[in-house]
PDB file of N, CA and C in Angstrom:
ATOM      1  N   MET A   1     -14.056  11.690 -12.447  1.00  0.00           N
ATOM      2  CA  MET A   1     -13.466  10.951 -11.345  1.00  0.00           C
ATOM      3  C   MET A   1     -12.360  10.030 -11.879  1.00  0.00           C
ATOM      4  N   THR A   2     -11.193  10.151 -11.321  1.00  0.00           N
ATOM      5  CA  THR A   2     -10.062   9.333 -11.730  1.00  0.00           C
ATOM      6  C   THR A   2     -10.118   7.989 -11.019  1.00  0.00           C
ATOM      7  N   ARG A   3      -9.912   6.917 -11.761  1.00  0.00           N
ATOM      8  CA  ARG A   3      -9.860   5.580 -11.168  1.00  0.00           C
ATOM      9  C   ARG A   3      -8.396   5.172 -11.085  1.00  0.00           C
ATOM     10  N   TRP A   4      -7.979   4.740  -9.909  1.00  0.00           N
ATOM     11  CA  TRP A   4      -6.583   4.360  -9.746  1.00  0.00           C
ATOM     12  C   TRP A   4      -6.453   3.280  -8.686  1.00  0.00           C
ATOM     13  N   VAL A   5      -5.334   2.563  -8.738  1.00  0.00           N
ATOM     14  CA  VAL A   5      -5.038   1.483  -7.800  1.00  0.00           C
ATOM     15  C   VAL A   5      -3.636   1.705  -7.259  1.00  0.00           C
ATOM     16  N   LEU A   6      -3.487   1.607  -5.948  1.00  0.00           N
ATOM     17  CA  LEU A   6      -2.158   1.668  -5.343  1.00  0.00           C
ATOM     18  C   LEU A   6      -1.635   0.239  -5.259  1.00  0.00           C
ATOM     19  N   TYR A   7      -0.585  -0.047  -5.987  1.00  0.00           N
ATOM     20  CA  TYR A   7      -0.033  -1.405  -6.082  1.00  0.00           C
ATOM     21  C   TYR A   7       1.323  -1.461  -5.398  1.00  0.00           C
ATOM     22  N   ASP A   8       1.382  -2.213  -4.310  1.00  0.00           N
ATOM     23  CA  ASP A   8       2.628  -2.423  -3.585  1.00  0.00           C
ATOM     24  C   ASP A   8       3.114  -3.821  -3.926  1.00  0.00           C
ATOM     25  N   ASP A   9       4.166  -3.922  -4.732  1.00  0.00           N
ATOM     26  CA  ASP A   9       4.644  -5.236  -5.176  1.00  0.00           C
ATOM     27  C   ASP A   9       5.599  -5.893  -4.182  1.00  0.00           C
ATOM     28  N   GLY A  10       5.891  -5.217  -3.077  1.00  0.00           N
ATOM     29  CA  GLY A  10       6.806  -5.788  -2.107  1.00  0.00           C
ATOM     30  C   GLY A  10       8.238  -5.805  -2.604  1.00  0.00           C
ATOM     31  N   GLY A  11       8.542  -4.937  -3.537  1.00  0.00           N
ATOM     32  CA  GLY A  11       9.856  -4.920  -4.165  1.00  0.00           C
ATOM     33  C   GLY A  11      10.999  -4.528  -3.265  1.00  0.00           C
ATOM     34  N   GLY A  12      10.716  -4.003  -2.091  1.00  0.00           N
ATOM     35  CA  GLY A  12      11.766  -3.695  -1.145  1.00  0.00           C
ATOM     36  C   GLY A  12      12.526  -2.414  -1.401  1.00  0.00           C
ATOM     37  N   ARG A  13      12.068  -1.583  -2.282  1.00  0.00           N
ATOM     38  CA  ARG A  13      12.784  -0.336  -2.572  1.00  0.00           C
ATOM     39  C   ARG A  13      12.704   0.659  -1.419  1.00  0.00           C
ATOM     40  N   PHE A  14      11.753   0.448  -0.525  1.00  0.00           N
ATOM     41  CA  PHE A  14      11.612   1.330   0.632  1.00  0.00           C
ATOM     42  C   PHE A  14      11.912   0.589   1.932  1.00  0.00           C
ATOM     43  N   SER A  15      12.617  -0.518   1.837  1.00  0.00           N
ATOM     44  CA  SER A  15      12.983  -1.282   3.018  1.00  0.00           C
ATOM     45  C   SER A  15      13.988  -0.468   3.821  1.00  0.00           C
ATOM     46  N   PRO A  16      13.979  -0.508   5.100  1.00  0.00           N
ATOM     47  CA  PRO A  16      13.232  -1.323   6.049  1.00  0.00           C
ATOM     48  C   PRO A  16      11.870  -0.730   6.434  1.00  0.00           C
ATOM     49  N   MET A  17      11.486   0.405   5.865  1.00  0.00           N
ATOM     50  CA  MET A  17      10.205   1.016   6.233  1.00  0.00           C
ATOM     51  C   MET A  17       9.017   0.133   5.861  1.00  0.00           C
ATOM     52  N   THR A  18       9.162  -0.700   4.840  1.00  0.00           N
ATOM     53  CA  THR A  18       8.046  -1.517   4.388  1.00  0.00           C
ATOM     54  C   THR A  18       8.141  -2.974   4.832  1.00  0.00           C
ATOM     55  N   ASP A  19       9.006  -3.269   5.787  1.00  0.00           N
ATOM     56  CA  ASP A  19       9.096  -4.637   6.291  1.00  0.00           C
ATOM     57  C   ASP A  19       7.858  -5.008   7.106  1.00  0.00           C
ATOM     58  N   LEU A  20       7.273  -4.042   7.799  1.00  0.00           N
ATOM     59  CA  LEU A  20       6.118  -4.306   8.662  1.00  0.00           C
ATOM     60  C   LEU A  20       4.882  -3.523   8.273  1.00  0.00           C
ATOM     61  N   ARG A  21       4.906  -2.879   7.123  1.00  0.00           N
ATOM     62  CA  ARG A  21       3.733  -2.113   6.674  1.00  0.00           C
ATOM     63  C   ARG A  21       3.767  -1.997   5.161  1.00  0.00           C
ATOM     64  N   SER A  22       2.611  -1.742   4.600  1.00  0.00           N
ATOM     65  CA  SER A  22       2.513  -1.526   3.159  1.00  0.00           C
ATOM     66  C   SER A  22       3.084  -0.149   2.820  1.00  0.00           C
ATOM     67  N   PHE A  23       3.501   0.010   1.574  1.00  0.00           N
ATOM     68  CA  PHE A  23       3.967   1.316   1.125  1.00  0.00           C
ATOM     69  C   PHE A  23       2.885   2.378   1.336  1.00  0.00           C
ATOM     70  N   ALA A  24       1.625   1.996   1.252  1.00  0.00           N
ATOM     71  CA  ALA A  24       0.513   2.934   1.445  1.00  0.00           C
ATOM     72  C   ALA A  24       0.568   3.592   2.819  1.00  0.00           C
ATOM     73  N   GLU A  25       1.148   2.908   3.794  1.00  0.00           N
ATOM     74  CA  GLU A  25       1.200   3.419   5.160  1.00  0.00           C
ATOM     75  C   GLU A  25       2.490   4.150   5.508  1.00  0.00           C
ATOM     76  N   VAL A  26       3.413   4.226   4.577  1.00  0.00           N
ATOM     77  CA  VAL A  26       4.674   4.926   4.836  1.00  0.00           C
ATOM     78  C   VAL A  26       4.391   6.424   4.900  1.00  0.00           C
ATOM     79  N   ARG A  27       4.801   7.022   5.997  1.00  0.00           N
ATOM     80  CA  ARG A  27       4.554   8.448   6.204  1.00  0.00           C
ATOM     81  C   ARG A  27       5.662   9.256   5.552  1.00  0.00           C
ATOM     82  N   THR A  28       5.257  10.203   4.713  1.00  0.00           N
ATOM     83  CA  THR A  28       6.202  11.117   4.067  1.00  0.00           C
ATOM     84  C   THR A  28       5.797  12.521   4.481  1.00  0.00           C
ATOM     85  N   GLY A  29       6.407  13.003   5.535  1.00  0.00           N
ATOM     86  CA  GLY A  29       5.988  14.284   6.095  1.00  0.00           C
ATOM     87  C   GLY A  29       4.776  14.068   6.979  1.00  0.00           C
ATOM     88  N   ALA A  30       3.765  14.911   6.823  1.00  0.00           N
ATOM     89  CA  ALA A  30       2.573  14.828   7.665  1.00  0.00           C
ATOM     90  C   ALA A  30       1.590  13.755   7.207  1.00  0.00           C
ATOM     91  N   LEU A  31       1.709  13.306   5.955  1.00  0.00           N
ATOM     92  CA  LEU A  31       0.735  12.373   5.387  1.00  0.00           C
ATOM     93  C   LEU A  31       1.371  11.039   5.027  1.00  0.00           C
ATOM     94  N   THR A  32       0.550   9.989   5.010  1.00  0.00           N
ATOM     95  CA  THR A  32       1.016   8.710   4.474  1.00  0.00           C
ATOM     96  C   THR A  32       0.941   8.788   2.956  1.00  0.00           C
ATOM     97  N   ALA A  33       1.575   7.834   2.296  1.00  0.00           N
ATOM     98  CA  ALA A  33       1.523   7.810   0.828  1.00  0.00           C
ATOM     99  C   ALA A  33       0.083   7.712   0.345  1.00  0.00           C
ATOM    100  N   LEU A  34      -0.734   6.879   0.993  1.00  0.00           N
ATOM    101  CA  LEU A  34      -2.132   6.734   0.595  1.00  0.00           C
ATOM    102  C   LEU A  34      -2.903   8.037   0.789  1.00  0.00           C
ATOM    103  N   GLU A  35      -2.695   8.717   1.896  1.00  0.00           N
ATOM    104  CA  GLU A  35      -3.383   9.998   2.130  1.00  0.00           C
ATOM    105  C   GLU A  35      -2.985  11.036   1.081  1.00  0.00           C
ATOM    106  N   ARG A  36      -1.714  11.058   0.751  1.00  0.00           N
ATOM    107  CA  ARG A  36      -1.227  12.025  -0.238  1.00  0.00           C
ATOM    108  C   ARG A  36      -1.832  11.750  -1.618  1.00  0.00           C
ATOM    109  N   PHE A  37      -1.812  10.489  -2.048  1.00  0.00           N
ATOM    110  CA  PHE A  37      -2.382  10.148  -3.351  1.00  0.00           C
ATOM    111  C   PHE A  37      -3.890  10.376  -3.373  1.00  0.00           C
ATOM    112  N   THR A  38      -4.562  10.111  -2.267  1.00  0.00           N
ATOM    113  CA  THR A  38      -6.013  10.318  -2.189  1.00  0.00           C
ATOM    114  C   THR A  38      -6.356  11.791  -2.335  1.00  0.00           C
ATOM    115  N   ARG A  39      -5.549  12.668  -1.787  1.00  0.00           N
ATOM    116  CA  ARG A  39      -5.782  14.111  -1.963  1.00  0.00           C
ATOM    117  C   ARG A  39      -5.661  14.527  -3.426  1.00  0.00           C
ATOM    118  N   TRP A  40      -4.730  13.898  -4.138  1.00  0.00           N
ATOM    119  CA  TRP A  40      -4.523  14.250  -5.547  1.00  0.00           C
ATOM    120  C   TRP A  40      -5.608  13.677  -6.450  1.00  0.00           C
ATOM    121  N   TRP A  41      -5.939  12.378  -6.264  1.00  0.00           N
ATOM    122  CA  TRP A  41      -6.781  11.674  -7.232  1.00  0.00           C
ATOM    123  C   TRP A  41      -8.095  11.144  -6.674  1.00  0.00           C
ATOM    124  N   GLY A  42      -8.405  11.362  -5.411  1.00  0.00           N
ATOM    125  CA  GLY A  42      -9.622  10.804  -4.821  1.00  0.00           C
ATOM    126  C   GLY A  42      -9.375   9.396  -4.279  1.00  0.00           C
ATOM    127  N   GLU A  43     -10.438   8.740  -3.852  1.00  0.00           N
ATOM    128  CA  GLU A  43     -10.318   7.402  -3.256  1.00  0.00           C
ATOM    129  C   GLU A  43      -9.848   6.383  -4.291  1.00  0.00           C
ATOM    130  N   PRO A  44      -8.956   5.465  -3.884  1.00  0.00           N
ATOM    131  CA  PRO A  44      -8.485   4.443  -4.824  1.00  0.00           C
ATOM    132  C   PRO A  44      -9.540   3.371  -5.062  1.00  0.00           C
ATOM    133  N   GLN A  45      -9.464   2.735  -6.210  1.00  0.00           N
ATOM    134  CA  GLN A  45     -10.323   1.585  -6.483  1.00  0.00           C
ATOM    135  C   GLN A  45      -9.913   0.423  -5.584  1.00  0.00           C
ATOM    136  N   ALA A  46      -8.614   0.281  -5.352  1.00  0.00           N
ATOM    137  CA  ALA A  46      -8.099  -0.814  -4.538  1.00  0.00           C
ATOM    138  C   ALA A  46      -6.699  -0.476  -4.058  1.00  0.00           C
ATOM    139  N   VAL A  47      -6.316  -1.167  -2.995  1.00  0.00           N
ATOM    140  CA  VAL A  47      -4.940  -1.119  -2.509  1.00  0.00           C
ATOM    141  C   VAL A  47      -4.444  -2.555  -2.544  1.00  0.00           C
ATOM    142  N   VAL A  48      -3.406  -2.805  -3.318  1.00  0.00           N
ATOM    143  CA  VAL A  48      -2.867  -4.151  -3.473  1.00  0.00           C
ATOM    144  C   VAL A  48      -1.607  -4.249  -2.639  1.00  0.00           C
ATOM    145  N   VAL A  49      -1.544  -5.274  -1.790  1.00  0.00           N
ATOM    146  CA  VAL A  49      -0.384  -5.456  -0.912  1.00  0.00           C
ATOM    147  C   VAL A  49       0.146  -6.878  -1.058  1.00  0.00           C
ATOM    148  N   PRO A  50       1.425  -7.101  -0.730  1.00  0.00           N
ATOM    149  CA  PRO A  50       1.976  -8.458  -0.740  1.00  0.00           C
ATOM    150  C   PRO A  50       1.278  -9.330   0.306  1.00  0.00           C
ATOM    151  N   ARG A  51       1.192 -10.620   0.047  1.00  0.00           N
ATOM    152  CA  ARG A  51       0.511 -11.539   0.968  1.00  0.00           C
ATOM    153  C   ARG A  51       0.998 -11.466   2.410  1.00  0.00           C
ATOM    154  N   PRO A  52       2.311 -11.372   2.668  1.00  0.00           N
ATOM    155  CA  PRO A  52       2.741 -11.328   4.070  1.00  0.00           C
ATOM    156  C   PRO A  52       2.188 -10.116   4.841  1.00  0.00           C
ATOM    157  N   LEU A  53       1.794  -9.064   4.142  1.00  0.00           N
ATOM    158  CA  LEU A  53       1.288  -7.861   4.808  1.00  0.00           C
ATOM    159  C   LEU A  53      -0.228  -7.746   4.752  1.00  0.00           C
ATOM    160  N   GLU A  54      -0.898  -8.728   4.161  1.00  0.00           N
ATOM    161  CA  GLU A  54      -2.337  -8.653   3.962  1.00  0.00           C
ATOM    162  C   GLU A  54      -3.109  -8.511   5.275  1.00  0.00           C
ATOM    163  N   ALA A  55      -2.813  -9.338   6.253  1.00  0.00           N
ATOM    164  CA  ALA A  55      -3.538  -9.290   7.525  1.00  0.00           C
ATOM    165  C   ALA A  55      -3.278  -7.973   8.258  1.00  0.00           C
ATOM    166  N   LEU A  56      -2.039  -7.522   8.253  1.00  0.00           N
ATOM    167  CA  LEU A  56      -1.720  -6.254   8.915  1.00  0.00           C
ATOM    168  C   LEU A  56      -2.434  -5.083   8.253  1.00  0.00           C
ATOM    169  N   ALA A  57      -2.459  -5.058   6.933  1.00  0.00           N
ATOM    170  CA  ALA A  57      -3.113  -3.969   6.214  1.00  0.00           C
ATOM    171  C   ALA A  57      -4.620  -3.970   6.488  1.00  0.00           C
ATOM    172  N   ALA A  58      -5.223  -5.142   6.515  1.00  0.00           N
ATOM    173  CA  ALA A  58      -6.660  -5.232   6.799  1.00  0.00           C
ATOM    174  C   ALA A  58      -6.947  -4.772   8.229  1.00  0.00           C
ATOM    175  N   GLU A  59      -6.094  -5.165   9.165  1.00  0.00           N
ATOM    176  CA  GLU A  59      -6.258  -4.770  10.563  1.00  0.00           C
ATOM    177  C   GLU A  59      -6.141  -3.259  10.734  1.00  0.00           C
ATOM    178  N   ARG A  60      -5.289  -2.640   9.937  1.00  0.00           N
ATOM    179  CA  ARG A  60      -5.085  -1.191  10.030  1.00  0.00           C
ATOM    180  C   ARG A  60      -6.102  -0.395   9.219  1.00  0.00           C
ATOM    181  N   GLY A  61      -7.005  -1.080   8.509  1.00  0.00           N
ATOM    182  CA  GLY A  61      -8.107  -0.407   7.846  1.00  0.00           C
ATOM    183  C   GLY A  61      -7.823   0.181   6.482  1.00  0.00           C
ATOM    184  N   LEU A  62      -6.888  -0.399   5.735  1.00  0.00           N
ATOM    185  CA  LEU A  62      -6.666   0.085   4.373  1.00  0.00           C
ATOM    186  C   LEU A  62      -7.917  -0.177   3.535  1.00  0.00           C
ATOM    187  N   PRO A  63      -8.300   0.752   2.680  1.00  0.00           N
ATOM    188  CA  PRO A  63      -9.527   0.582   1.905  1.00  0.00           C
ATOM    189  C   PRO A  63      -9.405  -0.487   0.825  1.00  0.00           C
ATOM    190  N   THR A  64     -10.492  -1.174   0.567  1.00  0.00           N
ATOM    191  CA  THR A  64     -10.618  -2.124  -0.527  1.00  0.00           C
ATOM    192  C   THR A  64      -9.342  -2.943  -0.721  1.00  0.00           C
ATOM    193  N   LEU A  65      -9.076  -3.789   0.211  1.00  0.00           N
ATOM    194  CA  LEU A  65      -7.845  -4.570   0.194  1.00  0.00           C
ATOM    195  C   LEU A  65      -7.930  -5.696  -0.825  1.00  0.00           C
ATOM    196  N   VAL A  66      -6.946  -5.783  -1.697  1.00  0.00           N
ATOM    197  CA  VAL A  66      -6.837  -6.841  -2.697  1.00  0.00           C
ATOM    198  C   VAL A  66      -5.478  -7.487  -2.518  1.00  0.00           C
ATOM    199  N   ARG A  67      -5.439  -8.804  -2.581  1.00  0.00           N
ATOM    200  CA  ARG A  67      -4.178  -9.504  -2.363  1.00  0.00           C
ATOM    201  C   ARG A  67      -3.345  -9.557  -3.638  1.00  0.00           C
ATOM    202  N   ALA A  68      -2.095  -9.199  -3.542  1.00  0.00           N
ATOM    203  CA  ALA A  68      -1.172  -9.312  -4.675  1.00  0.00           C
ATOM    204  C   ALA A  68      -0.684 -10.751  -4.762  1.00  0.00           C
ATOM    205  N   ASP A  69      -0.425 -11.226  -5.946  1.00  0.00           N
ATOM    206  CA  ASP A  69       0.124 -12.563  -6.113  1.00  0.00           C
ATOM    207  C   ASP A  69       1.635 -12.524  -6.030  1.00  0.00           C
ATOM    208  N   VAL A  70       2.120 -11.823  -5.026  1.00  0.00           N
ATOM    209  CA  VAL A  70       3.550 -11.685  -4.802  1.00  0.00           C
ATOM    210  C   VAL A  70       3.827 -12.228  -3.408  1.00  0.00           C
ATOM    211  N   ASP A  71       4.498 -13.369  -3.324  1.00  0.00           N
ATOM    212  CA  ASP A  71       4.799 -13.971  -2.033  1.00  0.00           C
ATOM    213  C   ASP A  71       6.116 -13.489  -1.460  1.00  0.00           C
ATOM    214  N   THR A  72       7.041 -13.173  -2.329  1.00  0.00           N
ATOM    215  CA  THR A  72       8.356 -12.729  -1.873  1.00  0.00           C
ATOM    216  C   THR A  72       8.714 -11.425  -2.577  1.00  0.00           C
ATOM    217  N   PRO A  73       9.542 -10.606  -1.952  1.00  0.00           N
ATOM    218  CA  PRO A  73       9.962  -9.361  -2.597  1.00  0.00           C
ATOM    219  C   PRO A  73      10.671  -9.614  -3.926  1.00  0.00           C
ATOM    220  N   LEU A  74      10.556  -8.667  -4.833  1.00  0.00           N
ATOM    221  CA  LEU A  74      11.149  -8.786  -6.160  1.00  0.00           C
ATOM    222  C   LEU A  74      12.450  -8.009  -6.253  1.00  0.00           C
ATOM    223  N   HIS A  75      13.431  -8.325  -5.426  1.00  0.00           N
ATOM    224  CA  HIS A  75      14.701  -7.598  -5.405  1.00  0.00           C
ATOM    225  C   HIS A  75      15.446  -7.752  -6.681  1.00  0.00           C
TER     226      HIS A  75
END
């Protein structure tokens, strides 16, 4: 079993798609990034999101939510 963590640093490389959602929720074709990675490697140990998106990610049901110590994007 592979152990992995999806880490969204809020870097803004996928902006504006990630202004209101975590990178894990960005849909690429039929699947979200999280669904695609889960098919490859199994369930993640954690999903790390920037603080401004923490409540939204929890509301949308992302698994094992961990808060990143990133308050602002790292442009």
